[in-house]
């Protein structure tokens, strides 16, 4: 199995993201463009990055110092658990409240209150499980 958030893993995640209409399609409808990083709590830098333009991933790679719109962190065990069994809205809220999921950059509260973004955010965890 490819290491989670490695460059190869991120490329597969980007392909799966673009193939999921309830993720890329819904975010495309609202013109969502962002640079999203994923990593682990204990590390200084994130591991992987998706660059999204109008809902679609245009770049998926290992982190290399890009400016970020979002930087999400959790333990490796939690990321792997969520990839196997994606959390719903309540599960993500509990993970955020318990500080299992942290945002070094980005506003979780504003995002989760916007149903146009909350649904795709939750769907992204399901898509991780396809990698």
C-alpha atoms as a PDB file:
ATOM      1  CA  UNK A   1       0.000   0.000   0.000  1.00  0.00           C
ATOM      2  CA  UNK A   2       1.244   3.480  -0.868  1.00  0.00           C
ATOM      3  CA  UNK A   3       2.039   5.729   2.106  1.00  0.00           C
ATOM      4  CA  UNK A   4      -0.877   8.067   2.878  1.00  0.00           C
ATOM      5  CA  UNK A   5      -0.250  11.633   1.628  1.00  0.00           C
ATOM      6  CA  UNK A   6       2.870  10.678  -0.363  1.00  0.00           C
ATOM      7  CA  UNK A   7       3.127  12.187  -3.835  1.00  0.00           C
ATOM      8  CA  UNK A   8       1.898   8.954  -5.427  1.00  0.00           C
ATOM      9  CA  UNK A   9      -0.994   8.667  -2.965  1.00  0.00           C
ATOM     10  CA  UNK A  10      -1.981  12.309  -3.544  1.00  0.00           C
ATOM     11  CA  UNK A  11      -2.020  11.762  -7.331  1.00  0.00           C
ATOM     12  CA  UNK A  12      -4.453   8.870  -6.869  1.00  0.00           C
ATOM     13  CA  UNK A  13      -6.527  10.953  -4.450  1.00  0.00           C
ATOM     14  CA  UNK A  14      -6.689  13.764  -7.018  1.00  0.00           C
ATOM     15  CA  UNK A  15      -7.898  11.348  -9.712  1.00  0.00           C
ATOM     16  CA  UNK A  16     -10.545   9.926  -7.374  1.00  0.00           C
ATOM     17  CA  UNK A  17     -11.621  13.468  -6.388  1.00  0.00           C
ATOM     18  CA  UNK A  18     -12.125  14.496 -10.020  1.00  0.00           C
ATOM     19  CA  UNK A  19     -14.053  11.290 -10.762  1.00  0.00           C
ATOM     20  CA  UNK A  20     -16.574  11.993  -7.985  1.00  0.00           C
ATOM     21  CA  UNK A  21     -19.319  14.343  -9.239  1.00  0.00           C
ATOM     22  CA  UNK A  22     -20.707  15.002  -5.760  1.00  0.00           C
ATOM     23  CA  UNK A  23     -17.282  16.391  -4.875  1.00  0.00           C
ATOM     24  CA  UNK A  24     -15.715  18.019  -7.931  1.00  0.00           C
ATOM     25  CA  UNK A  25     -19.046  18.796  -9.577  1.00  0.00           C
ATOM     26  CA  UNK A  26     -20.655  20.397  -6.533  1.00  0.00           C
ATOM     27  CA  UNK A  27     -17.554  22.443  -5.736  1.00  0.00           C
ATOM     28  CA  UNK A  28     -17.319  23.470  -9.376  1.00  0.00           C
ATOM     29  CA  UNK A  29     -20.851  24.919  -9.180  1.00  0.00           C
ATOM     30  CA  UNK A  30     -19.699  27.382  -6.510  1.00  0.00           C
ATOM     31  CA  UNK A  31     -16.351  28.129  -8.185  1.00  0.00           C
ATOM     32  CA  UNK A  32     -14.364  26.599  -5.319  1.00  0.00           C
ATOM     33  CA  UNK A  33     -10.634  27.088  -5.845  1.00  0.00           C
ATOM     34  CA  UNK A  34      -8.198  26.340  -3.061  1.00  0.00           C
ATOM     35  CA  UNK A  35      -4.907  24.766  -2.039  1.00  0.00           C
ATOM     36  CA  UNK A  36      -5.531  22.065   0.566  1.00  0.00           C
ATOM     37  CA  UNK A  37      -2.775  20.381   2.569  1.00  0.00           C
ATOM     38  CA  UNK A  38      -3.004  17.166   4.572  1.00  0.00           C
ATOM     39  CA  UNK A  39      -0.628  16.001   7.255  1.00  0.00           C
ATOM     40  CA  UNK A  40       0.033  14.763  10.755  1.00  0.00           C
ATOM     41  CA  UNK A  41      -0.197  16.652  14.070  1.00  0.00           C
ATOM     42  CA  UNK A  42       3.342  15.980  15.157  1.00  0.00           C
ATOM     43  CA  UNK A  43       5.033  17.156  11.958  1.00  0.00           C
ATOM     44  CA  UNK A  44       6.060  20.719  11.193  1.00  0.00           C
ATOM     45  CA  UNK A  45       5.004  20.571   7.513  1.00  0.00           C
ATOM     46  CA  UNK A  46       2.032  18.882   5.856  1.00  0.00           C
ATOM     47  CA  UNK A  47       2.709  15.834   3.684  1.00  0.00           C
ATOM     48  CA  UNK A  48       0.473  16.252   0.630  1.00  0.00           C
ATOM     49  CA  UNK A  49      -1.303  19.020  -1.271  1.00  0.00           C
ATOM     50  CA  UNK A  50      -4.229  19.299  -3.656  1.00  0.00           C
ATOM     51  CA  UNK A  51      -4.579  22.395  -5.818  1.00  0.00           C
ATOM     52  CA  UNK A  52      -8.214  22.802  -6.803  1.00  0.00           C
ATOM     53  CA  UNK A  53      -9.595  25.128  -9.462  1.00  0.00           C
ATOM     54  CA  UNK A  54     -13.354  25.376  -9.893  1.00  0.00           C
ATOM     55  CA  UNK A  55     -13.870  22.154  -7.958  1.00  0.00           C
ATOM     56  CA  UNK A  56     -11.381  20.027  -9.914  1.00  0.00           C
ATOM     57  CA  UNK A  57      -7.923  18.948  -8.795  1.00  0.00           C
ATOM     58  CA  UNK A  58      -5.333  20.417 -11.159  1.00  0.00           C
ATOM     59  CA  UNK A  59      -2.314  19.358  -9.097  1.00  0.00           C
ATOM     60  CA  UNK A  60      -1.871  16.636  -6.498  1.00  0.00           C
ATOM     61  CA  UNK A  61       1.587  16.100  -5.029  1.00  0.00           C
ATOM     62  CA  UNK A  62       3.818  16.034  -1.988  1.00  0.00           C
ATOM     63  CA  UNK A  63       3.958  19.360  -0.132  1.00  0.00           C
ATOM     64  CA  UNK A  64       6.757  21.602  -1.389  1.00  0.00           C
ATOM     65  CA  UNK A  65       6.177  24.907   0.380  1.00  0.00           C
ATOM     66  CA  UNK A  66       3.118  26.136  -1.509  1.00  0.00           C
ATOM     67  CA  UNK A  67       0.964  28.858   0.118  1.00  0.00           C
ATOM     68  CA  UNK A  68      -2.084  27.122   1.617  1.00  0.00           C
ATOM     69  CA  UNK A  69      -5.761  27.923   1.911  1.00  0.00           C
ATOM     70  CA  UNK A  70      -6.345  24.917   4.184  1.00  0.00           C
ATOM     71  CA  UNK A  71      -3.966  22.772   6.229  1.00  0.00           C
ATOM     72  CA  UNK A  72      -5.656  19.842   7.946  1.00  0.00           C
ATOM     73  CA  UNK A  73      -3.882  17.681  10.491  1.00  0.00           C
ATOM     74  CA  UNK A  74      -4.708  14.483  12.343  1.00  0.00           C
ATOM     75  CA  UNK A  75      -2.829  11.426  13.527  1.00  0.00           C
ATOM     76  CA  UNK A  76      -1.888   8.840  10.935  1.00  0.00           C
ATOM     77  CA  UNK A  77      -4.172   6.367  12.729  1.00  0.00           C
ATOM     78  CA  UNK A  78      -7.155   8.729  12.554  1.00  0.00           C
ATOM     79  CA  UNK A  79      -6.613   9.497   8.855  1.00  0.00           C
ATOM     80  CA  UNK A  80      -6.449   5.780   8.092  1.00  0.00           C
ATOM     81  CA  UNK A  81      -9.521   5.088  10.239  1.00  0.00           C
ATOM     82  CA  UNK A  82     -11.499   7.815   8.451  1.00  0.00           C
ATOM     83  CA  UNK A  83     -10.404   6.519   5.057  1.00  0.00           C
ATOM     84  CA  UNK A  84     -11.730   3.052   5.963  1.00  0.00           C
ATOM     85  CA  UNK A  85     -14.934   4.312   7.585  1.00  0.00           C
ATOM     86  CA  UNK A  86     -15.659   7.905   6.547  1.00  0.00           C
ATOM     87  CA  UNK A  87     -17.084  10.075   9.318  1.00  0.00           C
ATOM     88  CA  UNK A  88     -20.347  11.893   8.860  1.00  0.00           C
ATOM     89  CA  UNK A  89     -21.024  15.475   9.864  1.00  0.00           C
ATOM     90  CA  UNK A  90     -21.420  14.569  13.527  1.00  0.00           C
ATOM     91  CA  UNK A  91     -18.264  12.434  13.531  1.00  0.00           C
ATOM     92  CA  UNK A  92     -16.234  15.252  12.000  1.00  0.00           C
ATOM     93  CA  UNK A  93     -17.657  17.712  14.504  1.00  0.00           C
ATOM     94  CA  UNK A  94     -16.666  15.405  17.344  1.00  0.00           C
ATOM     95  CA  UNK A  95     -13.185  14.909  15.866  1.00  0.00           C
ATOM     96  CA  UNK A  96     -12.746  18.681  15.563  1.00  0.00           C
ATOM     97  CA  UNK A  97     -14.023  19.346  19.087  1.00  0.00           C
ATOM     98  CA  UNK A  98     -11.748  16.627  20.520  1.00  0.00           C
ATOM     99  CA  UNK A  99      -8.823  18.130  18.512  1.00  0.00           C
ATOM    100  CA  UNK A 100      -8.328  14.902  16.582  1.00  0.00           C
ATOM    101  CA  UNK A 101      -8.816  16.950  13.405  1.00  0.00           C
ATOM    102  CA  UNK A 102      -7.082  20.319  13.451  1.00  0.00           C
ATOM    103  CA  UNK A 103      -6.902  23.132  10.950  1.00  0.00           C
ATOM    104  CA  UNK A 104      -3.535  24.898  11.001  1.00  0.00           C
ATOM    105  CA  UNK A 105      -4.859  27.067   8.162  1.00  0.00           C
ATOM    106  CA  UNK A 106      -8.524  27.541   7.234  1.00  0.00           C
ATOM    107  CA  UNK A 107     -11.783  28.099   9.074  1.00  0.00           C
ATOM    108  CA  UNK A 108     -13.570  24.839   9.904  1.00  0.00           C
ATOM    109  CA  UNK A 109     -16.555  26.652  11.430  1.00  0.00           C
ATOM    110  CA  UNK A 110     -17.262  28.813   8.390  1.00  0.00           C
ATOM    111  CA  UNK A 111     -16.836  25.865   6.013  1.00  0.00           C
ATOM    112  CA  UNK A 112     -19.023  23.413   7.900  1.00  0.00           C
ATOM    113  CA  UNK A 113     -21.864  25.974   8.216  1.00  0.00           C
ATOM    114  CA  UNK A 114     -22.029  26.353   4.434  1.00  0.00           C
ATOM    115  CA  UNK A 115     -23.936  23.334   3.037  1.00  0.00           C
ATOM    116  CA  UNK A 116     -22.416  23.960  -0.397  1.00  0.00           C
ATOM    117  CA  UNK A 117     -19.018  23.156   1.136  1.00  0.00           C
ATOM    118  CA  UNK A 118     -19.915  20.871   4.049  1.00  0.00           C
ATOM    119  CA  UNK A 119     -21.345  18.072   1.881  1.00  0.00           C
ATOM    120  CA  UNK A 120     -18.297  17.895  -0.407  1.00  0.00           C
ATOM    121  CA  UNK A 121     -15.960  18.121   2.602  1.00  0.00           C
ATOM    122  CA  UNK A 122     -17.593  15.061   4.129  1.00  0.00           C
ATOM    123  CA  UNK A 123     -17.524  13.327   0.720  1.00  0.00           C
ATOM    124  CA  UNK A 124     -13.758  13.934   0.484  1.00  0.00           C
ATOM    125  CA  UNK A 125     -13.234  11.467   3.351  1.00  0.00           C
ATOM    126  CA  UNK A 126     -15.163   8.805   1.445  1.00  0.00           C
ATOM    127  CA  UNK A 127     -13.046   9.492  -1.643  1.00  0.00           C
ATOM    128  CA  UNK A 128      -9.860   9.055   0.460  1.00  0.00           C
ATOM    129  CA  UNK A 129     -11.024   5.516   1.131  1.00  0.00           C
ATOM    130  CA  UNK A 130     -10.911   4.739  -2.603  1.00  0.00           C
ATOM    131  CA  UNK A 131      -7.160   5.391  -2.800  1.00  0.00           C
END
